N, C-alpha and C. Protein backbone atom coordinates (compact mmCIF):
# COMPACT_ATOMS: atom_id res chain seq x y z
N GLU A 1 -107.55 -93.14 70.34
CA GLU A 1 -107.49 -94.60 70.20
C GLU A 1 -108.00 -94.27 68.79
N THR A 2 -108.97 -94.11 68.65
CA THR A 2 -109.78 -93.69 67.00
C THR A 2 -108.92 -93.42 66.08
N LYS A 3 -108.37 -92.16 66.58
CA LYS A 3 -107.04 -91.78 65.39
C LYS A 3 -106.05 -92.45 65.04
N PHE A 4 -105.75 -93.42 66.34
CA PHE A 4 -104.71 -93.99 66.31
C PHE A 4 -104.72 -95.03 65.35
N TRP A 5 -106.39 -95.87 65.16
CA TRP A 5 -106.39 -97.16 64.71
C TRP A 5 -106.71 -96.53 63.08
N LEU A 6 -107.11 -95.72 62.91
CA LEU A 6 -107.39 -94.72 61.83
C LEU A 6 -106.03 -94.93 61.04
N LYS A 7 -105.08 -94.06 60.97
CA LYS A 7 -104.03 -93.98 60.48
C LYS A 7 -103.17 -95.29 60.42
N ALA A 8 -103.25 -96.01 61.28
CA ALA A 8 -102.75 -97.26 61.43
C ALA A 8 -103.29 -98.15 60.13
N SER A 9 -104.23 -98.26 60.71
CA SER A 9 -104.93 -98.98 59.01
C SER A 9 -104.57 -98.14 57.61
N ALA A 10 -104.75 -96.91 57.76
CA ALA A 10 -104.71 -96.43 56.52
C ALA A 10 -103.25 -96.39 56.13
N ASP A 11 -101.96 -96.51 56.99
CA ASP A 11 -100.57 -96.80 56.46
C ASP A 11 -100.43 -97.99 55.90
N SER A 12 -101.42 -98.87 56.47
CA SER A 12 -101.40 -100.32 55.80
C SER A 12 -101.47 -100.30 54.60
N GLY A 13 -102.75 -99.55 54.64
CA GLY A 13 -103.07 -99.62 53.25
C GLY A 13 -104.66 -100.25 53.23
N ASN A 14 -105.05 -100.34 54.53
CA ASN A 14 -106.08 -101.38 54.36
C ASN A 14 -107.06 -100.48 55.56
N THR A 15 -107.50 -99.05 55.12
CA THR A 15 -108.13 -98.61 56.15
C THR A 15 -109.61 -98.81 56.59
N TRP A 16 -109.20 -98.84 57.86
CA TRP A 16 -110.86 -99.69 59.26
C TRP A 16 -111.76 -98.72 59.04
N VAL A 17 -112.82 -99.00 59.36
CA VAL A 17 -113.68 -98.37 59.91
C VAL A 17 -113.68 -98.12 61.53
N VAL A 18 -113.81 -97.82 62.40
CA VAL A 18 -113.41 -97.84 63.55
C VAL A 18 -114.82 -96.98 64.47
N ASN A 19 -115.22 -98.25 65.38
CA ASN A 19 -115.95 -97.68 66.42
C ASN A 19 -115.75 -97.83 67.56
N LEU A 20 -116.41 -97.54 68.82
CA LEU A 20 -116.18 -97.40 69.94
C LEU A 20 -117.10 -98.67 70.57
N ASP A 21 -116.71 -99.91 71.37
CA ASP A 21 -117.47 -100.61 71.75
C ASP A 21 -117.23 -101.20 73.33
N GLU A 22 -117.84 -101.66 73.78
CA GLU A 22 -118.15 -101.75 75.19
C GLU A 22 -117.26 -101.08 76.38
N ILE A 23 -117.46 -99.62 76.26
CA ILE A 23 -116.84 -98.82 77.14
C ILE A 23 -116.63 -99.20 78.78
N GLY A 24 -115.69 -98.92 79.01
CA GLY A 24 -115.75 -99.07 80.72
C GLY A 24 -115.56 -98.38 81.70
N PRO A 25 -115.25 -98.74 82.69
CA PRO A 25 -114.87 -100.09 83.29
C PRO A 25 -116.24 -101.25 83.08
N SER A 26 -116.25 -102.59 83.16
CA SER A 26 -117.33 -103.16 82.79
C SER A 26 -118.28 -103.02 83.57
N TRP A 27 -118.26 -102.91 84.90
CA TRP A 27 -119.46 -102.76 85.70
C TRP A 27 -120.10 -101.65 85.73
N LYS A 28 -119.71 -100.76 85.49
CA LYS A 28 -120.46 -99.55 84.63
C LYS A 28 -120.58 -99.17 83.57
N GLY A 29 -119.99 -99.35 82.60
CA GLY A 29 -120.53 -98.83 81.00
C GLY A 29 -121.12 -97.57 81.11
N ALA A 30 -122.44 -97.50 80.04
CA ALA A 30 -123.77 -96.68 80.12
C ALA A 30 -124.29 -96.59 80.92
N LEU A 31 -124.66 -95.89 81.92
CA LEU A 31 -125.26 -95.83 83.07
C LEU A 31 -127.13 -96.00 82.92
N PRO A 32 -127.62 -96.31 83.35
CA PRO A 32 -129.31 -96.50 82.99
C PRO A 32 -129.28 -94.58 83.60
N ASP A 33 -130.16 -93.84 83.11
CA ASP A 33 -130.41 -92.34 83.15
C ASP A 33 -130.97 -92.17 84.50
N GLN A 34 -131.74 -93.07 85.07
CA GLN A 34 -131.82 -92.65 86.59
C GLN A 34 -130.51 -92.67 87.39
N TYR A 35 -129.55 -92.66 86.72
CA TYR A 35 -128.48 -92.81 87.68
C TYR A 35 -127.14 -91.66 86.92
N ASP A 36 -127.49 -91.18 86.00
CA ASP A 36 -126.39 -90.22 84.86
C ASP A 36 -127.33 -89.75 83.87
N PRO A 37 -128.44 -89.35 84.57
CA PRO A 37 -129.79 -88.25 83.36
C PRO A 37 -129.02 -87.81 82.40
N ALA A 38 -127.94 -87.11 82.87
CA ALA A 38 -126.66 -86.19 81.54
C ALA A 38 -126.17 -86.72 80.83
N HIS A 39 -125.46 -88.12 81.24
CA HIS A 39 -124.56 -88.49 80.32
C HIS A 39 -123.30 -87.58 79.79
N ASP A 40 -122.75 -86.57 80.61
CA ASP A 40 -121.81 -85.69 79.98
C ASP A 40 -120.96 -86.23 79.70
N THR A 41 -120.15 -87.28 80.38
CA THR A 41 -118.66 -87.81 80.40
C THR A 41 -118.92 -88.55 79.15
N ILE A 42 -119.73 -89.30 78.99
CA ILE A 42 -120.09 -90.64 77.95
C ILE A 42 -119.89 -89.68 76.52
N ARG A 43 -120.99 -88.39 76.92
CA ARG A 43 -121.35 -87.61 75.34
C ARG A 43 -120.15 -87.17 75.13
N TYR A 44 -118.96 -86.46 75.66
CA TYR A 44 -117.56 -85.94 75.12
C TYR A 44 -116.81 -86.98 74.99
N LYS A 45 -116.32 -87.86 76.03
CA LYS A 45 -115.13 -88.69 75.88
C LYS A 45 -115.39 -90.11 74.69
N VAL A 46 -116.68 -90.29 74.50
CA VAL A 46 -117.16 -91.38 73.83
C VAL A 46 -117.91 -91.31 72.57
N LEU A 47 -119.18 -90.70 72.79
CA LEU A 47 -119.69 -90.11 71.78
C LEU A 47 -118.87 -89.23 70.74
N TRP A 48 -119.05 -87.98 71.29
CA TRP A 48 -118.47 -86.88 70.12
C TRP A 48 -116.93 -86.90 69.84
N GLY A 49 -116.35 -87.55 70.94
CA GLY A 49 -114.69 -88.05 70.68
C GLY A 49 -114.75 -88.79 69.82
N ASN A 50 -114.92 -89.88 69.35
CA ASN A 50 -114.71 -90.85 68.21
C ASN A 50 -115.25 -90.72 67.27
N LEU A 51 -116.52 -89.49 67.12
CA LEU A 51 -117.28 -88.92 65.69
C LEU A 51 -116.33 -88.20 65.42
N MET A 52 -115.83 -86.85 66.02
CA MET A 52 -114.80 -85.52 65.80
C MET A 52 -113.64 -86.65 65.30
N ALA A 53 -113.26 -87.66 65.61
CA ALA A 53 -111.83 -88.01 65.24
C ALA A 53 -112.02 -89.01 64.22
N GLY A 54 -113.17 -89.23 63.46
CA GLY A 54 -113.13 -89.64 62.22
C GLY A 54 -113.84 -91.34 62.38
N GLY A 55 -113.93 -91.12 64.01
CA GLY A 55 -114.65 -92.96 63.89
C GLY A 55 -116.39 -92.88 63.13
N ALA A 56 -116.57 -94.29 63.35
CA ALA A 56 -118.02 -94.50 62.92
C ALA A 56 -119.05 -94.47 63.72
N GLY A 57 -118.76 -94.39 65.48
CA GLY A 57 -119.76 -94.29 66.37
C GLY A 57 -119.78 -95.35 67.88
N THR A 58 -120.54 -95.69 68.05
CA THR A 58 -120.13 -96.03 69.65
C THR A 58 -121.22 -97.46 69.76
N GLU A 59 -120.99 -98.46 70.31
CA GLU A 59 -121.48 -99.27 70.55
C GLU A 59 -121.92 -99.43 72.02
N TRP A 60 -123.15 -98.70 73.04
CA TRP A 60 -122.95 -98.99 74.06
C TRP A 60 -123.32 -100.19 74.70
N TYR A 61 -122.28 -100.32 75.69
CA TYR A 61 -122.48 -101.27 77.03
C TYR A 61 -122.97 -100.39 78.25
N PHE A 62 -123.65 -102.15 78.39
CA PHE A 62 -124.57 -101.57 79.90
C PHE A 62 -123.58 -102.79 81.35
N GLY A 63 -123.34 -101.72 82.12
CA GLY A 63 -122.26 -102.26 82.91
C GLY A 63 -123.28 -103.37 84.00
N TYR A 64 -122.52 -104.25 84.60
CA TYR A 64 -123.10 -105.51 85.15
C TYR A 64 -123.61 -105.29 86.78
N LYS A 65 -123.18 -103.67 87.10
CA LYS A 65 -123.73 -103.82 88.62
C LYS A 65 -125.05 -102.60 88.79
N PHE A 66 -125.42 -102.18 87.42
CA PHE A 66 -126.38 -101.82 87.71
C PHE A 66 -127.97 -102.10 87.07
N PRO A 67 -129.01 -101.74 87.40
CA PRO A 67 -130.62 -102.55 86.89
C PRO A 67 -130.24 -102.28 85.30
N HIS A 68 -131.08 -103.13 84.36
CA HIS A 68 -130.95 -103.46 83.06
C HIS A 68 -129.28 -103.40 82.61
N SER A 69 -128.62 -104.68 82.77
CA SER A 69 -127.02 -104.49 82.63
C SER A 69 -127.31 -105.39 81.51
N ASP A 70 -125.92 -105.36 81.11
CA ASP A 70 -125.68 -105.72 79.66
C ASP A 70 -126.39 -107.57 79.44
N LEU A 71 -126.22 -108.00 80.82
CA LEU A 71 -127.49 -108.92 80.90
C LEU A 71 -128.36 -109.74 80.88
N ALA A 72 -128.88 -108.73 81.10
CA ALA A 72 -130.54 -109.02 81.99
C ALA A 72 -131.35 -107.87 81.65
N CYS A 73 -130.72 -106.49 80.47
CA CYS A 73 -131.93 -105.87 80.01
C CYS A 73 -132.97 -106.44 79.52
N GLU A 74 -134.12 -105.83 79.56
CA GLU A 74 -135.57 -106.06 78.94
C GLU A 74 -136.22 -104.57 78.86
N ASP A 75 -135.75 -103.48 79.14
CA ASP A 75 -136.37 -102.32 78.90
C ASP A 75 -135.20 -101.38 78.79
N TRP A 76 -135.23 -101.23 77.43
CA TRP A 76 -134.10 -100.26 76.82
C TRP A 76 -134.38 -98.62 76.87
N ARG A 77 -136.07 -98.47 77.39
CA ARG A 77 -135.88 -96.83 77.49
C ARG A 77 -135.29 -96.82 78.92
N SER A 78 -134.63 -97.41 79.77
CA SER A 78 -134.07 -97.01 80.81
C SER A 78 -132.25 -96.14 80.56
N ARG A 79 -132.50 -96.05 79.11
CA ARG A 79 -131.15 -95.72 78.87
C ARG A 79 -132.16 -94.26 77.96
N ASP A 80 -133.01 -93.90 77.61
CA ASP A 80 -133.70 -93.10 76.66
C ASP A 80 -132.92 -91.55 76.09
N LYS A 81 -132.66 -91.27 77.60
CA LYS A 81 -131.68 -89.91 77.42
C LYS A 81 -130.64 -90.29 76.29
N LEU A 82 -130.01 -91.10 76.84
CA LEU A 82 -128.83 -91.66 76.16
C LEU A 82 -128.73 -91.87 74.56
N TRP A 83 -130.41 -92.61 74.07
CA TRP A 83 -130.67 -92.24 72.78
C TRP A 83 -130.59 -91.35 71.69
N ASP A 84 -131.32 -90.70 72.42
CA ASP A 84 -131.66 -89.30 72.70
C ASP A 84 -130.60 -88.74 71.78
N GLN A 85 -129.18 -88.26 73.10
CA GLN A 85 -127.93 -87.84 72.45
C GLN A 85 -127.14 -88.25 71.53
N THR A 86 -127.22 -89.78 71.51
CA THR A 86 -127.00 -90.56 70.31
C THR A 86 -127.13 -89.76 68.59
N LYS A 87 -128.76 -89.80 68.87
CA LYS A 87 -129.41 -89.35 67.71
C LYS A 87 -129.12 -87.83 67.56
N VAL A 88 -128.96 -87.06 68.37
CA VAL A 88 -128.66 -85.47 68.06
C VAL A 88 -127.35 -85.25 67.85
N ALA A 89 -126.26 -86.45 67.97
CA ALA A 89 -124.85 -86.04 66.98
C ALA A 89 -125.05 -86.93 65.94
N LEU A 90 -125.62 -88.05 65.78
CA LEU A 90 -125.51 -88.31 64.35
C LEU A 90 -126.57 -87.54 63.26
N ASP A 91 -127.76 -86.90 63.65
CA ASP A 91 -128.38 -86.05 63.08
C ASP A 91 -127.79 -84.63 63.14
N PHE A 92 -126.41 -83.77 63.86
CA PHE A 92 -125.90 -83.18 63.31
C PHE A 92 -124.90 -83.47 62.22
N PHE A 93 -124.15 -84.71 62.08
CA PHE A 93 -123.02 -85.18 61.22
C PHE A 93 -123.89 -85.10 59.96
N HIS A 94 -125.01 -85.40 60.13
CA HIS A 94 -125.65 -86.13 58.81
C HIS A 94 -126.84 -84.49 57.89
N THR A 95 -126.86 -83.73 58.97
CA THR A 95 -127.83 -82.61 58.51
C THR A 95 -126.54 -81.19 57.91
N TYR A 96 -125.33 -81.19 58.75
CA TYR A 96 -124.82 -80.14 58.20
C TYR A 96 -123.50 -80.42 58.00
N LEU A 97 -122.56 -81.77 58.28
CA LEU A 97 -121.27 -81.89 57.97
C LEU A 97 -121.25 -82.78 56.22
N PRO A 98 -120.23 -82.48 55.55
CA PRO A 98 -119.90 -83.41 54.23
C PRO A 98 -118.64 -84.71 55.54
N PHE A 99 -119.20 -85.42 56.09
CA PHE A 99 -118.38 -86.17 57.51
C PHE A 99 -117.22 -86.87 56.38
N THR A 100 -117.99 -87.68 55.51
CA THR A 100 -116.92 -88.57 54.45
C THR A 100 -115.55 -87.96 54.29
N ASP A 101 -115.78 -86.58 53.86
CA ASP A 101 -114.51 -85.47 53.09
C ASP A 101 -113.78 -85.22 54.95
N MET A 102 -114.23 -85.16 55.95
CA MET A 102 -113.58 -84.33 56.96
C MET A 102 -112.71 -85.46 57.14
N LYS A 103 -111.89 -84.99 58.20
CA LYS A 103 -110.67 -85.63 58.74
C LYS A 103 -110.27 -84.60 60.38
N SER A 104 -109.72 -85.48 61.35
CA SER A 104 -109.93 -84.58 62.26
C SER A 104 -108.78 -83.82 62.26
N ALA A 105 -108.77 -82.52 63.00
CA ALA A 105 -107.75 -81.76 62.87
C ALA A 105 -107.80 -80.88 64.25
N ASP A 106 -107.44 -81.36 64.99
CA ASP A 106 -107.16 -80.98 66.65
C ASP A 106 -105.78 -79.98 66.34
N ASP A 107 -104.77 -80.10 65.70
CA ASP A 107 -103.91 -79.01 65.59
C ASP A 107 -104.47 -78.00 64.95
N LEU A 108 -105.61 -77.57 64.73
CA LEU A 108 -105.73 -76.15 63.85
C LEU A 108 -106.74 -75.25 64.93
N THR A 109 -106.40 -75.88 66.63
CA THR A 109 -107.09 -75.16 67.19
C THR A 109 -106.04 -74.79 68.75
N THR A 110 -106.06 -73.98 69.25
CA THR A 110 -105.50 -73.40 70.55
C THR A 110 -105.65 -74.42 71.79
N GLU A 111 -107.39 -74.58 71.75
CA GLU A 111 -107.59 -75.22 73.31
C GLU A 111 -107.21 -76.97 73.17
N LYS A 112 -106.57 -77.29 73.96
CA LYS A 112 -106.09 -78.71 74.27
C LYS A 112 -107.16 -79.81 74.42
N THR A 113 -108.25 -79.24 74.70
CA THR A 113 -109.60 -80.04 75.26
C THR A 113 -110.73 -80.23 73.92
N ASP A 114 -110.26 -79.56 73.24
CA ASP A 114 -111.70 -79.38 71.97
C ASP A 114 -111.12 -80.60 71.04
N TYR A 115 -112.29 -81.17 70.28
CA TYR A 115 -111.80 -81.30 69.05
C TYR A 115 -112.51 -81.04 67.95
N CYS A 116 -111.53 -80.83 66.78
CA CYS A 116 -111.70 -79.93 65.64
C CYS A 116 -111.34 -80.94 64.26
N PHE A 117 -112.86 -81.17 63.43
CA PHE A 117 -113.12 -82.34 62.83
C PHE A 117 -113.26 -81.27 61.26
N ALA A 118 -112.83 -81.36 59.98
CA ALA A 118 -112.61 -80.28 59.50
C ALA A 118 -112.29 -80.77 58.13
N LYS A 119 -113.16 -80.53 57.10
CA LYS A 119 -112.64 -80.25 55.78
C LYS A 119 -112.27 -79.22 55.34
N GLU A 120 -110.53 -79.01 55.26
CA GLU A 120 -110.08 -77.90 55.66
C GLU A 120 -110.36 -76.61 53.95
N GLY A 121 -110.47 -75.47 54.71
CA GLY A 121 -110.77 -74.54 53.65
C GLY A 121 -112.02 -74.47 53.68
N GLN A 122 -113.05 -75.28 53.94
CA GLN A 122 -114.59 -75.27 53.61
C GLN A 122 -115.22 -75.44 55.00
N ILE A 123 -115.21 -76.52 55.90
CA ILE A 123 -116.03 -76.25 57.26
C ILE A 123 -115.30 -77.01 58.18
N TYR A 124 -115.33 -76.59 59.50
CA TYR A 124 -114.85 -77.11 60.57
C TYR A 124 -115.98 -77.50 61.66
N ALA A 125 -115.85 -78.24 62.36
CA ALA A 125 -116.71 -78.21 63.64
C ALA A 125 -115.69 -78.45 64.71
N ILE A 126 -116.17 -77.81 65.94
CA ILE A 126 -114.92 -77.62 67.16
C ILE A 126 -116.12 -78.26 68.21
N TYR A 127 -115.87 -79.37 69.24
CA TYR A 127 -116.36 -79.81 69.98
C TYR A 127 -115.82 -79.39 71.03
N LEU A 128 -116.30 -78.30 71.97
CA LEU A 128 -115.74 -77.91 73.06
C LEU A 128 -116.80 -78.43 74.18
N PRO A 129 -115.76 -79.26 75.17
CA PRO A 129 -116.47 -79.77 76.15
C PRO A 129 -116.62 -78.92 77.31
N GLU A 130 -116.17 -77.78 77.52
CA GLU A 130 -116.58 -77.14 78.65
C GLU A 130 -117.10 -75.44 78.69
N GLY A 131 -117.56 -75.59 77.56
CA GLY A 131 -118.13 -73.87 76.98
C GLY A 131 -116.84 -72.99 76.83
N LYS A 132 -115.65 -73.62 76.37
CA LYS A 132 -114.34 -72.57 76.51
C LYS A 132 -114.26 -71.73 75.31
N THR A 133 -113.44 -71.30 74.85
CA THR A 133 -113.48 -70.27 73.30
C THR A 133 -112.19 -71.60 73.13
N THR A 134 -111.86 -70.95 71.81
CA THR A 134 -110.39 -71.11 71.22
C THR A 134 -109.73 -70.43 69.92
N ASP A 135 -108.98 -70.26 69.39
CA ASP A 135 -108.64 -70.03 68.41
C ASP A 135 -108.36 -70.62 67.42
N ILE A 136 -108.59 -70.20 66.17
CA ILE A 136 -108.46 -71.59 65.16
C ILE A 136 -107.54 -70.67 63.73
N SER A 137 -107.06 -72.01 63.34
CA SER A 137 -105.98 -71.38 62.15
C SER A 137 -106.88 -71.59 60.91
N LEU A 138 -106.88 -70.25 59.84
CA LEU A 138 -107.96 -70.79 59.12
C LEU A 138 -107.26 -69.84 57.74
N PRO A 139 -107.54 -70.56 56.61
CA PRO A 139 -107.17 -70.16 55.23
C PRO A 139 -108.03 -68.66 55.09
N GLU A 140 -107.10 -67.90 54.49
CA GLU A 140 -108.22 -66.54 53.34
C GLU A 140 -109.35 -66.74 53.42
N GLY A 141 -110.43 -66.19 53.57
CA GLY A 141 -111.69 -66.17 53.34
C GLY A 141 -112.71 -65.53 54.40
N LYS A 142 -113.54 -66.03 53.93
CA LYS A 142 -114.81 -65.21 55.27
C LYS A 142 -115.49 -66.71 55.76
N PHE A 143 -115.83 -66.45 56.70
CA PHE A 143 -116.40 -68.00 57.35
C PHE A 143 -117.46 -67.35 58.42
N ASP A 144 -118.69 -68.46 58.07
CA ASP A 144 -119.81 -67.92 58.89
C ASP A 144 -119.56 -68.51 59.93
N VAL A 145 -120.08 -68.59 61.41
CA VAL A 145 -120.10 -69.19 62.68
C VAL A 145 -121.46 -69.41 63.15
N ALA A 146 -121.65 -70.69 63.97
CA ALA A 146 -123.07 -70.60 64.47
C ALA A 146 -122.13 -71.85 65.75
N TRP A 147 -123.52 -71.75 66.57
CA TRP A 147 -123.25 -72.60 67.56
C TRP A 147 -124.61 -73.53 67.45
N PHE A 148 -124.13 -74.94 68.25
CA PHE A 148 -124.99 -76.04 67.97
C PHE A 148 -124.85 -76.73 69.57
N ASN A 149 -126.18 -76.98 70.00
CA ASN A 149 -126.07 -77.08 71.25
C ASN A 149 -126.81 -79.05 71.24
N PRO A 150 -124.77 -80.17 71.43
CA PRO A 150 -125.24 -81.40 71.41
C PRO A 150 -125.94 -81.97 72.55
N ARG A 151 -126.55 -81.23 73.47
CA ARG A 151 -127.40 -82.00 73.98
C ARG A 151 -128.73 -82.34 73.78
N THR A 152 -129.51 -81.27 73.22
CA THR A 152 -130.61 -81.20 72.42
C THR A 152 -130.79 -81.02 70.96
N TRP A 153 -131.66 -81.05 70.30
CA TRP A 153 -131.74 -80.77 68.70
C TRP A 153 -132.35 -79.59 68.45
N ASP A 154 -131.65 -78.29 68.66
CA ASP A 154 -132.02 -77.37 68.64
C ASP A 154 -131.92 -76.59 67.42
N LYS A 155 -131.97 -75.43 66.89
CA LYS A 155 -131.85 -74.72 66.00
C LYS A 155 -130.37 -74.37 66.05
N LEU A 156 -129.36 -73.97 64.95
CA LEU A 156 -128.04 -73.44 65.14
C LEU A 156 -128.24 -72.46 65.72
N ILE A 157 -127.57 -71.49 66.46
CA ILE A 157 -127.52 -70.22 66.99
C ILE A 157 -126.43 -69.40 66.40
N LYS A 158 -126.79 -68.62 65.98
CA LYS A 158 -125.77 -67.22 65.23
C LYS A 158 -124.28 -66.95 66.55
N GLY A 159 -123.21 -67.17 65.56
CA GLY A 159 -122.17 -66.89 66.64
C GLY A 159 -121.98 -65.49 66.95
N ASP A 160 -121.78 -65.00 67.92
CA ASP A 160 -120.72 -63.55 67.88
C ASP A 160 -119.67 -63.54 68.16
N PRO A 161 -118.71 -63.20 67.18
CA PRO A 161 -119.13 -63.11 66.31
C PRO A 161 -120.13 -63.68 65.09
N GLY A 162 -120.66 -63.53 64.30
CA GLY A 162 -121.25 -64.31 63.03
C GLY A 162 -120.15 -64.32 61.98
N GLN A 163 -118.83 -63.67 61.96
CA GLN A 163 -118.23 -64.00 60.32
C GLN A 163 -117.23 -63.73 61.28
N ILE A 164 -115.99 -65.00 61.18
CA ILE A 164 -114.50 -64.55 60.83
C ILE A 164 -114.21 -64.33 59.81
N THR A 165 -112.96 -63.56 60.15
CA THR A 165 -111.92 -63.59 58.81
C THR A 165 -111.10 -64.71 58.56
N GLY A 166 -110.31 -65.44 57.90
CA GLY A 166 -109.09 -66.02 57.90
C GLY A 166 -107.92 -65.86 57.53
N GLY A 167 -107.01 -66.49 57.19
CA GLY A 167 -105.79 -66.44 57.02
C GLY A 167 -104.79 -65.76 58.06
N LYS A 168 -105.12 -66.16 59.27
CA LYS A 168 -104.11 -66.35 60.03
C LYS A 168 -105.14 -67.17 61.42
N LYS A 169 -104.49 -66.92 62.62
CA LYS A 169 -105.55 -67.61 63.55
C LYS A 169 -106.05 -66.81 64.28
N VAL A 170 -107.40 -66.89 64.53
CA VAL A 170 -108.48 -66.19 64.99
C VAL A 170 -109.57 -66.67 65.78
N SER A 171 -110.00 -66.08 66.92
CA SER A 171 -110.71 -66.10 67.99
C SER A 171 -112.31 -66.69 67.54
N ILE A 172 -112.83 -67.96 67.56
CA ILE A 172 -113.86 -68.62 67.11
C ILE A 172 -115.40 -67.66 67.81
N GLY A 173 -114.87 -67.25 68.79
CA GLY A 173 -116.25 -66.74 69.96
C GLY A 173 -116.58 -67.25 71.15
N THR A 174 -117.29 -66.93 71.63
CA THR A 174 -117.52 -67.51 73.10
C THR A 174 -119.03 -68.26 73.18
N PRO A 175 -119.24 -69.51 73.28
CA PRO A 175 -120.42 -70.25 73.22
C PRO A 175 -121.27 -69.51 74.21
N PRO A 176 -122.85 -69.94 73.78
CA PRO A 176 -123.79 -69.27 74.62
C PRO A 176 -123.97 -69.41 75.74
N ASN A 177 -123.32 -70.75 76.94
CA ASN A 177 -123.36 -70.86 77.98
C ASN A 177 -122.13 -71.91 78.22
N GLN A 178 -121.62 -71.77 79.71
CA GLN A 178 -120.58 -73.08 79.76
C GLN A 178 -120.81 -74.65 79.59
N ASN A 179 -122.03 -75.19 78.99
CA ASN A 179 -121.59 -76.11 78.89
C ASN A 179 -121.36 -76.61 77.68
N ASP A 180 -121.09 -77.96 77.29
CA ASP A 180 -120.51 -78.28 76.12
C ASP A 180 -120.93 -77.80 74.88
N TRP A 181 -120.53 -77.43 73.83
CA TRP A 181 -121.25 -76.74 72.41
C TRP A 181 -120.21 -77.45 71.20
N VAL A 182 -120.81 -77.29 70.39
CA VAL A 182 -120.18 -77.22 69.06
C VAL A 182 -120.25 -76.50 68.09
N CYS A 183 -118.66 -75.29 67.75
CA CYS A 183 -119.10 -74.89 66.52
C CYS A 183 -119.00 -75.00 65.58
N LEU A 184 -120.13 -74.48 64.53
CA LEU A 184 -119.75 -74.76 62.77
C LEU A 184 -119.13 -73.76 62.53
N ILE A 185 -118.06 -73.94 62.18
CA ILE A 185 -117.60 -72.79 60.44
C ILE A 185 -117.36 -73.00 59.36
N LYS A 186 -117.90 -72.37 58.44
CA LYS A 186 -118.22 -72.81 57.46
C LYS A 186 -117.66 -71.58 56.16
N LEU A 187 -117.31 -72.12 55.29
CA LEU A 187 -116.84 -70.82 54.28
C LEU A 187 -117.88 -69.82 53.94
N ASN A 188 -118.13 -68.71 53.39
CA ASN A 188 -118.96 -68.31 52.83
C ASN A 188 -118.64 -67.54 51.86
N ASN A 189 -119.73 -68.06 50.84
CA ASN A 189 -118.89 -68.58 49.06
C ASN A 189 -119.73 -67.30 48.84
C-alpha cells in the first residue's frame, strides 16, 4: 500500500508523505505487551514494511477489545516493548541510512518475503523477516556486509562473508539466527 500511494502521488506531480494509521482489525490493533510481547507480526508487516517501502512511519492504534484501548488508555507503558522496537527502527534509519535518497528496490533481491531499500550503487538495506538469505543484483564494486537486529539496539554484526563483489547476482550470506534481521550492504570506497 505504501509503495502504491508513493508512486500514485509522484505520478500526479504531488508526492505525498505516506504513513500507516490505525492498523486493524479495529478490535485488535497494536496489542499491549502482556498479550504480544514480541510484536513480531506488526514489526515485520507494519513498522519495517512501511519504512522499507519509503514510508514515513506508523501511528499505533490500540484495539478496543484489550486493556488500555484507543478510547481508554491511561498507561502508555502498556506497549513499552513496542515503543522500544519503534525507536530501534527509527534509530537504524537515522544512524545508518541516507533514507531521503533511498527507494524501495524489492526487485533487486530473489527472496519474495524480504524488503529491500536502496540508494543503488551505494547502500542497500534488506529486511529478512524469517532469518532466510537472499541473492541481490549489485553493480560492479566491493560491498561490505553487516547484520542488524531489528528487535534490539545492538552493534552491527560483521557478515559472513564480510564483503561481496558486485557485477552480478550474489548471495548476501546467512543471518546470525532464524529471527528477522536487516542486512546492511555498503559500497566499500
